[in-house]
């Protein structure tokens, strides 16, 4: 079984998707690995992609990474280049509203309709619920009069906001920044009213066994990819400062958050 590579999770636009494919193809060639960079586009569920056993280099949400047994091999994690990441392999959930709305703060949205992508998505669901839980506890009553789920991805959240189906929703901050860099007309339709705490960013993982040599070559090639002039324009558009290989245990915090007694969206 030949391993495959994919970066669907952060393919925020058609051009970003092409840039990721170019970068991953360069990395595999540099590492001397004849693997395919595959397409796996929405609305195909990411959970089905992450359940595969032939992933050699694929972006995976940190929550299923932390929960899967056996745990995949953590190959590397991206370092987003915008200043708010501080040169760390982290991301946030940006809590956004429609640009033309009257909401100025997160508290202003209470009493409205909250949206989310999927209940088991870290950035699109769990992190937002975790962020809202203290407000819910302090209020002693529901924050929102309703919730709309199944928005699937960041674009679904933006569409629901623009159409007025929800008043507030979550965006993976790195995905959001990629939109702001590569499709500003869409990104300008929403604005941030709050962001969650920083959490470990979704990593590139392998679910298929890699030899120590293969793993070392892929990691080395990923580092080279952000330094070679050949890919300078690509990494600039991808807002990539580099890659690191964090301790897989860093992601345990995500599993711990998911196990907290946080009210579901329908009770927030």
Protein backbone atom coordinates (compact mmCIF):
# COMPACT_ATOMS: atom_id res chain seq x y z
CA UNK A 1 0.00 0.00 0.00
CA UNK A 2 1.60 3.23 -1.16
CA UNK A 3 1.17 6.09 1.33
CA UNK A 4 -0.59 9.30 0.29
CA UNK A 5 -0.30 12.98 1.19
CA UNK A 6 -3.05 15.56 1.61
CA UNK A 7 -3.61 19.05 3.06
CA UNK A 8 -7.39 19.34 2.68
CA UNK A 9 -7.78 20.78 6.17
CA UNK A 10 -6.02 24.02 5.27
CA UNK A 11 -6.93 24.22 1.58
CA UNK A 12 -8.84 27.43 2.22
CA UNK A 13 -9.17 28.43 -1.45
CA UNK A 14 -8.54 26.79 -4.82
CA UNK A 15 -5.21 28.59 -5.09
CA UNK A 16 -4.20 27.62 -1.55
CA UNK A 17 -5.10 24.01 -2.36
CA UNK A 18 -2.78 24.17 -5.38
CA UNK A 19 -0.01 25.70 -3.27
CA UNK A 20 -0.27 22.94 -0.66
CA UNK A 21 -0.16 20.31 -3.38
CA UNK A 22 2.93 21.91 -4.89
CA UNK A 23 4.65 22.11 -1.50
CA UNK A 24 3.82 18.51 -0.54
CA UNK A 25 4.92 17.22 -3.96
CA UNK A 26 8.22 19.08 -3.58
CA UNK A 27 8.71 17.64 -0.07
CA UNK A 28 8.06 14.08 -1.22
CA UNK A 29 10.40 14.44 -4.20
CA UNK A 30 13.09 15.92 -1.94
CA UNK A 31 12.62 13.03 0.50
CA UNK A 32 12.85 10.49 -2.34
CA UNK A 33 9.35 9.13 -1.73
CA UNK A 34 7.09 8.14 -4.64
CA UNK A 35 3.84 8.89 -2.82
CA UNK A 36 0.77 10.50 -4.37
CA UNK A 37 -0.59 13.87 -3.28
CA UNK A 38 -4.30 13.12 -3.42
CA UNK A 39 -7.39 15.29 -3.72
CA UNK A 40 -10.03 14.96 -1.04
CA UNK A 41 -12.42 17.84 -1.43
CA UNK A 42 -15.49 18.98 0.50
CA UNK A 43 -18.12 17.80 1.18
CA UNK A 44 -16.32 14.46 1.67
CA UNK A 45 -16.00 14.11 5.48
CA UNK A 46 -12.56 14.71 6.94
CA UNK A 47 -13.26 12.04 9.55
CA UNK A 48 -13.23 9.42 6.77
CA UNK A 49 -9.89 10.73 5.51
CA UNK A 50 -8.38 10.63 8.99
CA UNK A 51 -9.63 7.07 9.53
CA UNK A 52 -7.50 5.81 6.64
CA UNK A 53 -4.42 3.70 7.32
CA UNK A 54 -2.46 4.84 4.26
CA UNK A 55 -1.75 8.45 5.21
CA UNK A 56 1.93 9.26 4.93
CA UNK A 57 1.75 13.03 5.26
CA UNK A 58 -1.67 14.51 5.97
CA UNK A 59 -3.09 17.39 7.98
CA UNK A 60 -5.19 16.11 10.88
CA UNK A 61 -7.21 17.96 13.49
CA UNK A 62 -5.39 17.70 16.79
CA UNK A 63 -8.43 16.30 18.61
CA UNK A 64 -8.80 13.06 16.60
CA UNK A 65 -5.00 12.83 16.58
CA UNK A 66 -5.02 12.86 20.38
CA UNK A 67 -7.89 10.36 20.57
CA UNK A 68 -6.96 7.80 17.91
CA UNK A 69 -5.50 4.48 19.05
CA UNK A 70 -2.91 3.71 18.03
CA UNK A 71 -1.94 7.34 17.77
CA UNK A 72 -0.60 8.37 14.35
CA UNK A 73 3.01 9.40 13.94
CA UNK A 74 3.35 13.14 14.38
CA UNK A 75 5.55 14.18 11.47
CA UNK A 76 5.54 17.95 11.88
CA UNK A 77 3.42 20.96 12.76
CA UNK A 78 3.26 24.20 10.78
CA UNK A 79 4.47 27.50 12.15
CA UNK A 80 2.08 30.17 10.86
CA UNK A 81 3.91 33.38 10.00
CA UNK A 82 1.42 36.06 11.26
CA UNK A 83 2.63 37.83 14.39
CA UNK A 84 -0.21 36.63 16.61
CA UNK A 85 1.19 33.07 16.59
CA UNK A 86 4.47 34.20 18.12
CA UNK A 87 6.51 31.72 16.09
CA UNK A 88 4.76 28.83 17.87
CA UNK A 89 2.91 25.78 16.47
CA UNK A 90 -0.43 27.00 17.81
CA UNK A 91 -3.74 28.33 16.59
CA UNK A 92 -6.93 29.82 17.97
CA UNK A 93 -10.62 29.74 17.27
CA UNK A 94 -11.64 33.16 16.04
CA UNK A 95 -15.19 33.95 17.10
CA UNK A 96 -16.71 36.01 14.31
CA UNK A 97 -19.83 37.95 13.41
CA UNK A 98 -21.10 39.44 10.17
CA UNK A 99 -19.18 42.63 9.36
CA UNK A 100 -22.33 44.74 9.11
CA UNK A 101 -23.80 43.58 12.42
CA UNK A 102 -24.07 45.75 15.52
CA UNK A 103 -22.17 43.28 17.71
CA UNK A 104 -18.94 44.66 19.15
CA UNK A 105 -18.15 42.09 21.84
CA UNK A 106 -18.81 38.40 22.41
CA UNK A 107 -21.30 39.29 25.16
CA UNK A 108 -23.26 41.35 22.63
CA UNK A 109 -24.04 38.13 20.74
CA UNK A 110 -25.70 36.48 23.74
CA UNK A 111 -29.39 35.99 23.08
CA UNK A 112 -28.78 35.34 19.41
CA UNK A 113 -28.08 32.20 17.36
CA UNK A 114 -24.71 30.50 17.62
CA UNK A 115 -23.36 28.36 14.79
CA UNK A 116 -20.74 25.64 14.65
CA UNK A 117 -19.20 23.35 12.05
CA UNK A 118 -19.34 19.92 13.68
CA UNK A 119 -19.81 19.08 17.34
CA UNK A 120 -16.59 17.02 17.40
CA UNK A 121 -14.44 19.56 15.54
CA UNK A 122 -11.86 21.18 17.82
CA UNK A 123 -11.73 24.60 16.18
CA UNK A 124 -15.29 24.58 14.89
CA UNK A 125 -17.04 23.18 17.94
CA UNK A 126 -15.25 21.97 21.07
CA UNK A 127 -12.96 24.98 21.54
CA UNK A 128 -15.88 27.39 21.20
CA UNK A 129 -18.01 25.46 23.70
CA UNK A 130 -15.06 25.39 26.11
CA UNK A 131 -14.61 29.15 25.72
CA UNK A 132 -18.31 29.84 26.30
CA UNK A 133 -18.72 27.50 29.29
CA UNK A 134 -17.55 30.00 31.96
CA UNK A 135 -19.96 32.63 30.59
CA UNK A 136 -22.75 30.05 30.75
CA UNK A 137 -21.84 29.15 34.33
CA UNK A 138 -21.69 32.79 35.43
CA UNK A 139 -25.00 33.61 33.76
CA UNK A 140 -26.77 30.59 35.21
CA UNK A 141 -28.93 30.43 32.12
CA UNK A 142 -28.57 29.85 28.39
CA UNK A 143 -26.41 32.30 26.48
CA UNK A 144 -28.11 31.75 23.11
CA UNK A 145 -31.69 31.20 22.11
CA UNK A 146 -30.66 28.63 19.50
CA UNK A 147 -27.80 26.83 17.76
CA UNK A 148 -27.21 25.81 14.16
CA UNK A 149 -24.75 22.98 13.52
CA UNK A 150 -23.60 20.99 10.54
CA UNK A 151 -21.98 24.01 8.87
CA UNK A 152 -19.10 21.63 7.98
CA UNK A 153 -16.28 24.15 7.48
CA UNK A 154 -15.26 27.78 7.77
CA UNK A 155 -16.94 28.74 4.51
CA UNK A 156 -20.18 27.29 5.84
CA UNK A 157 -19.88 29.47 8.94
CA UNK A 158 -19.26 32.59 6.85
CA UNK A 159 -22.16 31.78 4.53
CA UNK A 160 -24.51 31.27 7.50
CA UNK A 161 -23.45 34.59 8.99
CA UNK A 162 -23.90 36.49 5.74
CA UNK A 163 -27.31 34.89 5.17
CA UNK A 164 -28.42 35.77 8.71
CA UNK A 165 -29.00 32.16 9.77
CA UNK A 166 -26.60 32.61 12.70
CA UNK A 167 -25.30 35.62 14.63
CA UNK A 168 -21.91 34.30 15.71
CA UNK A 169 -19.66 31.37 14.81
CA UNK A 170 -16.15 29.90 14.96
CA UNK A 171 -13.29 29.99 12.45
CA UNK A 172 -9.98 28.13 12.71
CA UNK A 173 -7.60 31.11 12.94
CA UNK A 174 -5.00 29.76 10.49
CA UNK A 175 -7.72 28.97 7.95
CA UNK A 176 -9.14 32.44 8.61
CA UNK A 177 -5.75 34.06 8.01
CA UNK A 178 -5.31 32.07 4.79
CA UNK A 179 -8.66 33.42 3.62
CA UNK A 180 -7.67 36.97 4.55
CA UNK A 181 -4.44 36.58 2.56
CA UNK A 182 -5.81 34.73 -0.46
CA UNK A 183 -9.54 35.55 -0.69
CA UNK A 184 -9.95 38.88 1.12
CA UNK A 185 -13.35 39.63 -0.41
CA UNK A 186 -14.84 36.63 1.42
CA UNK A 187 -12.89 37.18 4.65
CA UNK A 188 -14.04 40.82 4.82
CA UNK A 189 -17.63 39.66 5.22
CA UNK A 190 -16.94 38.76 8.86
CA UNK A 191 -15.00 40.25 11.75
CA UNK A 192 -13.57 38.93 15.01
CA UNK A 193 -15.22 39.75 18.34
CA UNK A 194 -13.12 37.34 20.43
CA UNK A 195 -10.63 34.48 20.14
CA UNK A 196 -10.03 31.42 22.30
CA UNK A 197 -6.83 30.52 24.06
CA UNK A 198 -3.97 29.19 21.94
CA UNK A 199 -4.02 25.44 21.36
CA UNK A 200 -1.65 23.06 19.51
CA UNK A 201 -2.13 23.48 15.77
CA UNK A 202 -3.31 20.56 13.62
CA UNK A 203 -0.21 18.60 12.63
CA UNK A 204 0.94 16.67 9.61
CA UNK A 205 0.73 13.00 10.55
CA UNK A 206 1.25 9.50 9.22
CA UNK A 207 -1.15 6.66 9.93
CA UNK A 208 0.93 4.20 7.93
CA UNK A 209 4.21 2.89 9.40
CA UNK A 210 7.24 4.95 8.38
CA UNK A 211 10.83 3.81 8.71
CA UNK A 212 13.08 6.07 10.81
CA UNK A 213 14.84 7.05 7.59
CA UNK A 214 11.60 8.01 5.83
CA UNK A 215 10.46 10.06 8.79
CA UNK A 216 13.79 11.87 9.04
CA UNK A 217 13.85 12.65 5.31
CA UNK A 218 10.28 14.00 5.30
CA UNK A 219 10.97 16.21 8.31
CA UNK A 220 14.17 17.51 6.73
CA UNK A 221 12.41 18.20 3.43
CA UNK A 222 9.61 20.11 5.19
CA UNK A 223 12.21 22.34 6.83
CA UNK A 224 13.95 22.89 3.51
CA UNK A 225 10.66 23.74 1.80
CA UNK A 226 10.28 26.95 3.81
CA UNK A 227 13.87 28.01 3.09
CA UNK A 228 14.27 27.27 -0.61
CA UNK A 229 13.84 30.25 -2.99
CA UNK A 230 12.00 27.88 -5.32
CA UNK A 231 9.00 27.83 -2.97
CA UNK A 232 9.29 31.34 -1.50
CA UNK A 233 6.11 32.60 -3.18
CA UNK A 234 4.23 29.45 -2.19
CA UNK A 235 5.19 29.60 1.48
CA UNK A 236 4.41 33.33 1.58
CA UNK A 237 0.88 32.67 0.29
CA UNK A 238 0.53 29.79 2.76
CA UNK A 239 1.67 32.08 5.61
CA UNK A 240 4.26 29.49 6.58
CA UNK A 241 7.31 30.41 8.64
CA UNK A 242 8.49 26.82 8.98
CA UNK A 243 7.74 23.42 10.48
CA UNK A 244 8.63 21.89 13.84
CA UNK A 245 8.18 18.43 15.35
CA UNK A 246 6.49 18.96 18.73
CA UNK A 247 6.04 16.34 21.41
CA UNK A 248 2.87 14.32 20.62
CA UNK A 249 1.97 14.67 24.32
CA UNK A 250 1.42 18.39 23.70
CA UNK A 251 -1.89 17.38 22.10
CA UNK A 252 -3.18 15.59 25.20
CA UNK A 253 -4.71 18.89 26.32
CA UNK A 254 -7.19 18.64 23.43
CA UNK A 255 -8.47 15.25 24.51
CA UNK A 256 -8.72 16.56 28.08
CA UNK A 257 -10.82 19.54 26.95
CA UNK A 258 -13.16 17.25 25.03
CA UNK A 259 -13.79 15.24 28.20
CA UNK A 260 -14.81 18.24 30.29
CA UNK A 261 -18.42 18.58 31.33
CA UNK A 262 -19.13 21.34 28.83
CA UNK A 263 -22.78 21.98 27.89
CA UNK A 264 -23.67 21.07 24.30
CA UNK A 265 -24.46 23.96 21.96
CA UNK A 266 -28.17 23.36 22.40
CA UNK A 267 -27.78 24.18 26.11
CA UNK A 268 -25.31 27.05 25.90
